[in-house]
C-alpha cells in the first residue's frame, strides 16, 4: 500500500499537536515533518500533503510556499478574506495539479450543522448565530460562525427574504453583537469551552435551534484525516470540507 507523507505547520499548537498524533495513528499516512513559527519550511520534509494550523498573519505565506513546492495543503487557520483567497487562486493557476482545502471547521457534526442551517435559512424570518470558544482564541467571530453566516446570508438572499428584523436603535456598548453577511453574530469566550455554536431561527410561534459542540479537539481529526486523503483529488482551491464529503 502506498504511503502519503504529511507535514504539519503549527505542530506544537493545540490543533497541530493533535493533528500530529492523528497522522501517526492513521493507516497509510506517515508524519514526515513538524514545523513551527520561525522554522525554515524548505522542501517541507518531502511531504505529499501539508496540514497548516498556524496563525492568520502567517498562514497565507505558509500556504503560498507549499503551493510553490507543488505540495497539496489542508488549511485550518482562519483569517482568509476575499483578497487572500483571490491571491491564492491566482497562484494555484500557476500550479494546476496542486489542491488546497481551506476549512473553517473539520468536525463532521459542525459541517452538517452549517449545511442544515443553510437549508433552514429560507424558511425563517429571524436568525442569529452564537459561537462559544475558549478564551485563548485570538479571533472573533470564529471561522465557523463567519462561514455559517455566509451560507445563511446567501440562502436568504436567494429566497428573497428581507433583512433580519431588529428594532434596536440604541446599543452604545455593542450588546447586539456584530453582523456578518447581514446575520447577527455573538461571540462568547469562556474558560472550559472548546468549540461550540448554535444557530437560532425564529418565526411567529416557533424557534428552531441547530447546535454543535466539540468537547475535545480529537473531534476534528476524522475530518482532517479525510481531507488529507482527498485533497490530491481536488486540484485548485476548495473552501469548506463539505465539498469533500458529498454534503454540498
C-alpha atoms as a PDB file:
ATOM      1  CA  UNK A   1       0.000   0.000   0.000  1.00  0.00           C
ATOM      2  CA  UNK A   2       1.323   3.450  -0.878  1.00  0.00           C
ATOM      3  CA  UNK A   3       2.105   5.840   1.957  1.00  0.00           C
ATOM      4  CA  UNK A   4       1.220   9.550   1.963  1.00  0.00           C
ATOM      5  CA  UNK A   5       3.819  11.707   3.658  1.00  0.00           C
ATOM      6  CA  UNK A   6       2.329  14.509   5.753  1.00  0.00           C
ATOM      7  CA  UNK A   7       3.993  17.535   7.314  1.00  0.00           C
ATOM      8  CA  UNK A   8       2.304  19.772   9.870  1.00  0.00           C
ATOM      9  CA  UNK A   9       2.829  23.533  10.158  1.00  0.00           C
ATOM     10  CA  UNK A  10       1.949  24.735  13.639  1.00  0.00           C
ATOM     11  CA  UNK A  11       2.840  21.322  15.016  1.00  0.00           C
ATOM     12  CA  UNK A  12       3.284  22.425  18.634  1.00  0.00           C
ATOM     13  CA  UNK A  13      -0.044  24.282  18.819  1.00  0.00           C
ATOM     14  CA  UNK A  14      -3.253  22.944  20.308  1.00  0.00           C
ATOM     15  CA  UNK A  15      -4.606  21.744  16.974  1.00  0.00           C
ATOM     16  CA  UNK A  16      -1.276  20.976  15.352  1.00  0.00           C
ATOM     17  CA  UNK A  17      -0.149  18.605  18.082  1.00  0.00           C
ATOM     18  CA  UNK A  18      -3.448  16.733  17.833  1.00  0.00           C
ATOM     19  CA  UNK A  19      -3.027  16.507  14.052  1.00  0.00           C
ATOM     20  CA  UNK A  20       0.453  15.010  14.504  1.00  0.00           C
ATOM     21  CA  UNK A  21      -0.943  12.293  16.763  1.00  0.00           C
ATOM     22  CA  UNK A  22      -3.798  11.573  14.349  1.00  0.00           C
ATOM     23  CA  UNK A  23      -1.470  11.287  11.357  1.00  0.00           C
ATOM     24  CA  UNK A  24       0.852   8.943  13.249  1.00  0.00           C
ATOM     25  CA  UNK A  25      -2.113   6.723  14.118  1.00  0.00           C
ATOM     26  CA  UNK A  26      -3.685   6.699  10.637  1.00  0.00           C
ATOM     27  CA  UNK A  27      -3.111   3.809   8.267  1.00  0.00           C
ATOM     28  CA  UNK A  28      -1.347   4.786   5.066  1.00  0.00           C
ATOM     29  CA  UNK A  29      -0.084   8.127   6.414  1.00  0.00           C
ATOM     30  CA  UNK A  30       3.410   8.998   7.613  1.00  0.00           C
ATOM     31  CA  UNK A  31       4.332  12.067   9.650  1.00  0.00           C
ATOM     32  CA  UNK A  32       7.234  13.473   7.661  1.00  0.00           C
ATOM     33  CA  UNK A  33       7.871  16.820   9.361  1.00  0.00           C
ATOM     34  CA  UNK A  34       6.861  19.175  12.155  1.00  0.00           C
ATOM     35  CA  UNK A  35       7.199  22.933  11.638  1.00  0.00           C
ATOM     36  CA  UNK A  36       6.523  25.900  13.898  1.00  0.00           C
ATOM     37  CA  UNK A  37       6.872  29.671  13.895  1.00  0.00           C
ATOM     38  CA  UNK A  38      10.261  30.747  12.591  1.00  0.00           C
ATOM     39  CA  UNK A  39      11.219  27.370  11.132  1.00  0.00           C
ATOM     40  CA  UNK A  40      12.618  27.168   7.608  1.00  0.00           C
ATOM     41  CA  UNK A  41       9.972  25.281   5.656  1.00  0.00           C
ATOM     42  CA  UNK A  42      12.439  24.313   2.909  1.00  0.00           C
ATOM     43  CA  UNK A  43      11.181  21.295   0.992  1.00  0.00           C
ATOM     44  CA  UNK A  44       8.584  20.595   3.718  1.00  0.00           C
ATOM     45  CA  UNK A  45      10.420  17.384   4.658  1.00  0.00           C
ATOM     46  CA  UNK A  46       9.413  15.806   1.367  1.00  0.00           C
ATOM     47  CA  UNK A  47       5.720  15.873   2.216  1.00  0.00           C
ATOM     48  CA  UNK A  48       2.954  14.978  -0.229  1.00  0.00           C
ATOM     49  CA  UNK A  49       0.422  16.925   1.853  1.00  0.00           C
ATOM     50  CA  UNK A  50       0.847  19.692   4.415  1.00  0.00           C
ATOM     51  CA  UNK A  51      -1.659  20.395   7.183  1.00  0.00           C
ATOM     52  CA  UNK A  52      -1.494  24.092   8.105  1.00  0.00           C
ATOM     53  CA  UNK A  53      -2.697  25.215  11.537  1.00  0.00           C
ATOM     54  CA  UNK A  54      -0.699  28.351  12.292  1.00  0.00           C
ATOM     55  CA  UNK A  55      -1.905  31.937  12.852  1.00  0.00           C
ATOM     56  CA  UNK A  56      -3.769  34.274  10.450  1.00  0.00           C
ATOM     57  CA  UNK A  57      -0.770  36.535   9.847  1.00  0.00           C
ATOM     58  CA  UNK A  58       1.446  33.633   8.744  1.00  0.00           C
ATOM     59  CA  UNK A  59      -0.994  31.284   7.038  1.00  0.00           C
ATOM     60  CA  UNK A  60      -1.088  32.858   3.562  1.00  0.00           C
ATOM     61  CA  UNK A  61       2.719  32.909   3.372  1.00  0.00           C
ATOM     62  CA  UNK A  62       2.948  29.294   4.514  1.00  0.00           C
ATOM     63  CA  UNK A  63       0.362  28.102   2.025  1.00  0.00           C
ATOM     64  CA  UNK A  64       1.993  30.018  -0.826  1.00  0.00           C
ATOM     65  CA  UNK A  65       5.291  28.278  -0.052  1.00  0.00           C
ATOM     66  CA  UNK A  66       3.597  24.871  -0.124  1.00  0.00           C
ATOM     67  CA  UNK A  67       1.889  25.589  -3.448  1.00  0.00           C
ATOM     68  CA  UNK A  68       5.160  26.774  -4.980  1.00  0.00           C
ATOM     69  CA  UNK A  69       6.718  23.490  -3.837  1.00  0.00           C
ATOM     70  CA  UNK A  70       3.924  21.564  -5.580  1.00  0.00           C
ATOM     71  CA  UNK A  71       2.553  20.224  -2.288  1.00  0.00           C
ATOM     72  CA  UNK A  72      -1.163  19.871  -1.503  1.00  0.00           C
ATOM     73  CA  UNK A  73      -2.367  21.789   1.556  1.00  0.00           C
ATOM     74  CA  UNK A  74      -5.141  21.302   4.112  1.00  0.00           C
ATOM     75  CA  UNK A  75      -5.686  24.610   5.931  1.00  0.00           C
ATOM     76  CA  UNK A  76      -7.439  25.072   9.255  1.00  0.00           C
ATOM     77  CA  UNK A  77      -6.181  28.572  10.030  1.00  0.00           C
ATOM     78  CA  UNK A  78      -8.799  31.313   9.928  1.00  0.00           C
ATOM     79  CA  UNK A  79      -8.483  34.848   8.540  1.00  0.00           C
ATOM     80  CA  UNK A  80      -8.789  34.075   4.825  1.00  0.00           C
ATOM     81  CA  UNK A  81     -10.600  37.095   3.426  1.00  0.00           C
ATOM     82  CA  UNK A  82     -11.566  37.632  -0.189  1.00  0.00           C
ATOM     83  CA  UNK A  83      -8.266  39.297  -1.105  1.00  0.00           C
ATOM     84  CA  UNK A  84      -6.190  36.426   0.256  1.00  0.00           C
ATOM     85  CA  UNK A  85      -8.406  33.857  -1.455  1.00  0.00           C
ATOM     86  CA  UNK A  86      -8.070  35.703  -4.757  1.00  0.00           C
ATOM     87  CA  UNK A  87      -4.273  35.784  -4.431  1.00  0.00           C
ATOM     88  CA  UNK A  88      -4.206  32.071  -3.647  1.00  0.00           C
ATOM     89  CA  UNK A  89      -6.450  31.246  -6.605  1.00  0.00           C
ATOM     90  CA  UNK A  90      -4.115  33.155  -8.923  1.00  0.00           C
ATOM     91  CA  UNK A  91      -1.103  31.311  -7.519  1.00  0.00           C
ATOM     92  CA  UNK A  92      -2.797  27.936  -7.943  1.00  0.00           C
ATOM     93  CA  UNK A  93      -3.374  28.713 -11.618  1.00  0.00           C
ATOM     94  CA  UNK A  94       0.405  28.518 -11.981  1.00  0.00           C
ATOM     95  CA  UNK A  95       0.400  25.068 -10.325  1.00  0.00           C
ATOM     96  CA  UNK A  96      -2.606  23.293 -11.889  1.00  0.00           C
ATOM     97  CA  UNK A  97      -2.021  19.941 -10.179  1.00  0.00           C
ATOM     98  CA  UNK A  98      -1.987  21.279  -6.624  1.00  0.00           C
ATOM     99  CA  UNK A  99      -5.038  21.151  -4.365  1.00  0.00           C
ATOM    100  CA  UNK A 100      -5.730  23.410  -1.382  1.00  0.00           C
ATOM    101  CA  UNK A 101      -8.616  22.959   1.045  1.00  0.00           C
ATOM    102  CA  UNK A 102      -9.475  25.782   3.429  1.00  0.00           C
ATOM    103  CA  UNK A 103     -11.987  24.634   6.026  1.00  0.00           C
ATOM    104  CA  UNK A 104     -13.419  26.705   8.881  1.00  0.00           C
ATOM    105  CA  UNK A 105     -14.205  23.530  10.824  1.00  0.00           C
ATOM    106  CA  UNK A 106     -13.170  19.881  10.450  1.00  0.00           C
ATOM    107  CA  UNK A 107     -15.697  18.320  12.819  1.00  0.00           C
ATOM    108  CA  UNK A 108     -18.177  16.314  10.766  1.00  0.00           C
ATOM    109  CA  UNK A 109     -21.018  17.451  13.012  1.00  0.00           C
ATOM    110  CA  UNK A 110     -20.074  21.103  12.517  1.00  0.00           C
ATOM    111  CA  UNK A 111     -20.084  20.651   8.740  1.00  0.00           C
ATOM    112  CA  UNK A 112     -23.546  19.113   8.981  1.00  0.00           C
ATOM    113  CA  UNK A 113     -24.684  21.922  11.287  1.00  0.00           C
ATOM    114  CA  UNK A 114     -23.699  24.500   8.670  1.00  0.00           C
ATOM    115  CA  UNK A 115     -25.446  22.533   5.917  1.00  0.00           C
ATOM    116  CA  UNK A 116     -28.630  22.194   7.984  1.00  0.00           C
ATOM    117  CA  UNK A 117     -28.551  25.914   8.796  1.00  0.00           C
ATOM    118  CA  UNK A 118     -28.198  26.789   5.121  1.00  0.00           C
ATOM    119  CA  UNK A 119     -31.210  24.617   4.334  1.00  0.00           C
ATOM    120  CA  UNK A 120     -33.338  26.099   7.127  1.00  0.00           C
ATOM    121  CA  UNK A 121     -32.436  29.711   6.335  1.00  0.00           C
ATOM    122  CA  UNK A 122     -35.056  30.279   3.639  1.00  0.00           C
ATOM    123  CA  UNK A 123     -37.926  29.323   5.959  1.00  0.00           C
ATOM    124  CA  UNK A 124     -37.394  31.745   8.872  1.00  0.00           C
ATOM    125  CA  UNK A 125     -37.710  35.490   9.199  1.00  0.00           C
ATOM    126  CA  UNK A 126     -35.189  35.757  12.027  1.00  0.00           C
ATOM    127  CA  UNK A 127     -31.779  34.162  12.523  1.00  0.00           C
ATOM    128  CA  UNK A 128     -28.871  34.753  14.879  1.00  0.00           C
ATOM    129  CA  UNK A 129     -25.614  32.881  15.491  1.00  0.00           C
ATOM    130  CA  UNK A 130     -23.957  32.348  18.851  1.00  0.00           C
ATOM    131  CA  UNK A 131     -20.447  30.887  18.854  1.00  0.00           C
ATOM    132  CA  UNK A 132     -18.711  29.892  22.083  1.00  0.00           C
ATOM    133  CA  UNK A 133     -14.985  29.161  22.450  1.00  0.00           C
ATOM    134  CA  UNK A 134     -12.161  29.082  24.980  1.00  0.00           C
ATOM    135  CA  UNK A 135     -10.665  32.478  25.950  1.00  0.00           C
ATOM    136  CA  UNK A 136      -7.316  31.713  24.291  1.00  0.00           C
ATOM    137  CA  UNK A 137      -8.884  32.037  20.841  1.00  0.00           C
ATOM    138  CA  UNK A 138      -7.463  35.140  19.153  1.00  0.00           C
ATOM    139  CA  UNK A 139     -10.154  35.875  16.540  1.00  0.00           C
ATOM    140  CA  UNK A 140     -13.842  36.705  16.683  1.00  0.00           C
ATOM    141  CA  UNK A 141     -16.154  35.735  15.237  1.00  0.00           C
ATOM    142  CA  UNK A 142     -14.894  32.218  14.674  1.00  0.00           C
ATOM    143  CA  UNK A 143     -14.267  30.973  11.167  1.00  0.00           C
ATOM    144  CA  UNK A 144     -17.180  28.580  11.568  1.00  0.00           C
ATOM    145  CA  UNK A 145     -19.559  31.397  12.532  1.00  0.00           C
ATOM    146  CA  UNK A 146     -18.362  33.545   9.637  1.00  0.00           C
ATOM    147  CA  UNK A 147     -18.830  30.683   7.179  1.00  0.00           C
ATOM    148  CA  UNK A 148     -22.271  29.851   8.613  1.00  0.00           C
ATOM    149  CA  UNK A 149     -23.304  33.483   8.249  1.00  0.00           C
ATOM    150  CA  UNK A 150     -22.074  33.485   4.658  1.00  0.00           C
ATOM    151  CA  UNK A 151     -24.085  30.359   3.799  1.00  0.00           C
ATOM    152  CA  UNK A 152     -27.203  31.521   5.640  1.00  0.00           C
ATOM    153  CA  UNK A 153     -26.995  35.023   4.177  1.00  0.00           C
ATOM    154  CA  UNK A 154     -26.693  33.652   0.640  1.00  0.00           C
ATOM    155  CA  UNK A 155     -29.652  31.309   1.173  1.00  0.00           C
ATOM    156  CA  UNK A 156     -31.792  34.154   2.495  1.00  0.00           C
ATOM    157  CA  UNK A 157     -30.859  36.367  -0.446  1.00  0.00           C
ATOM    158  CA  UNK A 158     -31.700  33.631  -2.919  1.00  0.00           C
ATOM    159  CA  UNK A 159     -35.074  33.156  -1.229  1.00  0.00           C
ATOM    160  CA  UNK A 160     -35.759  36.895  -1.470  1.00  0.00           C
ATOM    161  CA  UNK A 161     -36.019  37.428   2.294  1.00  0.00           C
ATOM    162  CA  UNK A 162     -35.771  40.906   3.761  1.00  0.00           C
ATOM    163  CA  UNK A 163     -33.181  41.918   6.338  1.00  0.00           C
ATOM    164  CA  UNK A 164     -33.353  40.201   9.714  1.00  0.00           C
ATOM    165  CA  UNK A 165     -35.894  42.226  11.732  1.00  0.00           C
ATOM    166  CA  UNK A 166     -34.384  44.257  14.586  1.00  0.00           C
ATOM    167  CA  UNK A 167     -35.869  47.433  16.051  1.00  0.00           C
ATOM    168  CA  UNK A 168     -32.732  48.286  18.047  1.00  0.00           C
ATOM    169  CA  UNK A 169     -31.738  51.919  17.590  1.00  0.00           C
ATOM    170  CA  UNK A 170     -29.567  52.390  20.677  1.00  0.00           C
ATOM    171  CA  UNK A 171     -26.726  49.978  21.519  1.00  0.00           C
ATOM    172  CA  UNK A 172     -23.722  52.027  22.696  1.00  0.00           C
ATOM    173  CA  UNK A 173     -21.977  49.017  24.259  1.00  0.00           C
ATOM    174  CA  UNK A 174     -22.472  46.665  21.299  1.00  0.00           C
ATOM    175  CA  UNK A 175     -24.724  44.291  23.209  1.00  0.00           C
ATOM    176  CA  UNK A 176     -26.380  43.161  19.977  1.00  0.00           C
ATOM    177  CA  UNK A 177     -23.090  41.700  18.749  1.00  0.00           C
ATOM    178  CA  UNK A 178     -21.657  42.052  15.266  1.00  0.00           C
ATOM    179  CA  UNK A 179     -23.042  41.439  11.780  1.00  0.00           C
ATOM    180  CA  UNK A 180     -21.654  39.100   9.160  1.00  0.00           C
ATOM    181  CA  UNK A 181     -23.398  38.883   5.791  1.00  0.00           C
ATOM    182  CA  UNK A 182     -26.373  40.589   7.431  1.00  0.00           C
ATOM    183  CA  UNK A 183     -26.627  37.983  10.205  1.00  0.00           C
ATOM    184  CA  UNK A 184     -26.220  38.972  13.883  1.00  0.00           C
ATOM    185  CA  UNK A 185     -23.291  37.039  15.377  1.00  0.00           C
ATOM    186  CA  UNK A 186     -22.379  36.835  19.063  1.00  0.00           C
ATOM    187  CA  UNK A 187     -19.014  35.562  20.343  1.00  0.00           C
ATOM    188  CA  UNK A 188     -18.618  34.075  23.821  1.00  0.00           C
ATOM    189  CA  UNK A 189     -15.161  33.388  25.321  1.00  0.00           C
ATOM    190  CA  UNK A 190     -15.289  31.239  28.446  1.00  0.00           C
ATOM    191  CA  UNK A 191     -12.757  29.078  30.259  1.00  0.00           C
ATOM    192  CA  UNK A 192     -13.650  25.392  29.999  1.00  0.00           C
ATOM    193  CA  UNK A 193     -15.122  25.592  26.498  1.00  0.00           C
ATOM    194  CA  UNK A 194     -13.528  24.154  23.347  1.00  0.00           C
ATOM    195  CA  UNK A 195     -15.666  24.949  20.265  1.00  0.00           C
ATOM    196  CA  UNK A 196     -19.431  25.332  20.223  1.00  0.00           C
ATOM    197  CA  UNK A 197     -22.021  27.024  18.028  1.00  0.00           C
ATOM    198  CA  UNK A 198     -25.750  27.367  17.795  1.00  0.00           C
ATOM    199  CA  UNK A 199     -27.861  28.890  15.053  1.00  0.00           C
ATOM    200  CA  UNK A 200     -31.227  30.228  16.208  1.00  0.00           C
ATOM    201  CA  UNK A 201     -34.072  30.545  13.700  1.00  0.00           C
ATOM    202  CA  UNK A 202     -37.303  32.308  14.633  1.00  0.00           C
ATOM    203  CA  UNK A 203     -40.736  32.621  13.121  1.00  0.00           C
ATOM    204  CA  UNK A 204     -44.006  33.651  14.699  1.00  0.00           C
ATOM    205  CA  UNK A 205     -44.895  30.954  17.205  1.00  0.00           C
ATOM    206  CA  UNK A 206     -41.752  28.812  16.913  1.00  0.00           C
ATOM    207  CA  UNK A 207     -37.983  28.623  17.132  1.00  0.00           C
ATOM    208  CA  UNK A 208     -35.533  26.148  15.622  1.00  0.00           C
ATOM    209  CA  UNK A 209     -32.102  25.690  17.231  1.00  0.00           C
ATOM    210  CA  UNK A 210     -29.278  23.890  15.435  1.00  0.00           C
ATOM    211  CA  UNK A 211     -26.298  23.334  17.741  1.00  0.00           C
ATOM    212  CA  UNK A 212     -22.963  21.575  17.567  1.00  0.00           C
ATOM    213  CA  UNK A 213     -20.481  21.006  20.416  1.00  0.00           C
ATOM    214  CA  UNK A 214     -16.861  19.894  20.253  1.00  0.00           C
ATOM    215  CA  UNK A 215     -15.756  18.884  23.747  1.00  0.00           C
ATOM    216  CA  UNK A 216     -12.289  17.741  22.677  1.00  0.00           C
ATOM    217  CA  UNK A 217     -10.061  18.618  19.721  1.00  0.00           C
ATOM    218  CA  UNK A 218      -9.976  14.965  18.800  1.00  0.00           C
ATOM    219  CA  UNK A 219     -13.438  15.598  17.303  1.00  0.00           C
ATOM    220  CA  UNK A 220     -11.774  17.471  14.416  1.00  0.00           C
ATOM    221  CA  UNK A 221      -9.382  14.680  13.487  1.00  0.00           C
ATOM    222  CA  UNK A 222     -11.640  12.442  11.341  1.00  0.00           C
ATOM    223  CA  UNK A 223     -12.292  15.447   9.104  1.00  0.00           C
ATOM    224  CA  UNK A 224      -8.615  16.375   8.953  1.00  0.00           C
ATOM    225  CA  UNK A 225      -7.586  12.841   8.009  1.00  0.00           C
ATOM    226  CA  UNK A 226     -10.356  12.631   5.391  1.00  0.00           C
ATOM    227  CA  UNK A 227      -9.136  15.931   3.929  1.00  0.00           C
ATOM    228  CA  UNK A 228      -5.524  14.720   3.815  1.00  0.00           C
ATOM    229  CA  UNK A 229      -6.622  11.633   1.902  1.00  0.00           C
ATOM    230  CA  UNK A 230      -8.799  13.546  -0.590  1.00  0.00           C
ATOM    231  CA  UNK A 231      -7.054  16.875  -1.212  1.00  0.00           C
ATOM    232  CA  UNK A 232      -4.973  15.478  -4.059  1.00  0.00           C
ATOM    233  CA  UNK A 233      -8.172  14.543  -5.904  1.00  0.00           C
ATOM    234  CA  UNK A 234      -9.357  18.172  -5.919  1.00  0.00           C
ATOM    235  CA  UNK A 235      -6.902  20.459  -7.751  1.00  0.00           C
ATOM    236  CA  UNK A 236      -7.297  24.181  -7.211  1.00  0.00           C
ATOM    237  CA  UNK A 237      -8.948  25.912  -4.278  1.00  0.00           C
ATOM    238  CA  UNK A 238     -11.805  24.395  -2.280  1.00  0.00           C
ATOM    239  CA  UNK A 239     -13.424  26.227   0.629  1.00  0.00           C
ATOM    240  CA  UNK A 240     -15.320  24.001   3.040  1.00  0.00           C
ATOM    241  CA  UNK A 241     -14.900  20.331   3.933  1.00  0.00           C
ATOM    242  CA  UNK A 242     -18.481  19.675   2.823  1.00  0.00           C
ATOM    243  CA  UNK A 243     -17.285  19.511  -0.800  1.00  0.00           C
ATOM    244  CA  UNK A 244     -15.105  16.510   0.022  1.00  0.00           C
ATOM    245  CA  UNK A 245     -17.850  14.741   1.959  1.00  0.00           C
ATOM    246  CA  UNK A 246     -20.611  14.983  -0.636  1.00  0.00           C
ATOM    247  CA  UNK A 247     -22.685  17.279   1.591  1.00  0.00           C
ATOM    248  CA  UNK A 248     -22.564  20.434  -0.535  1.00  0.00           C
END
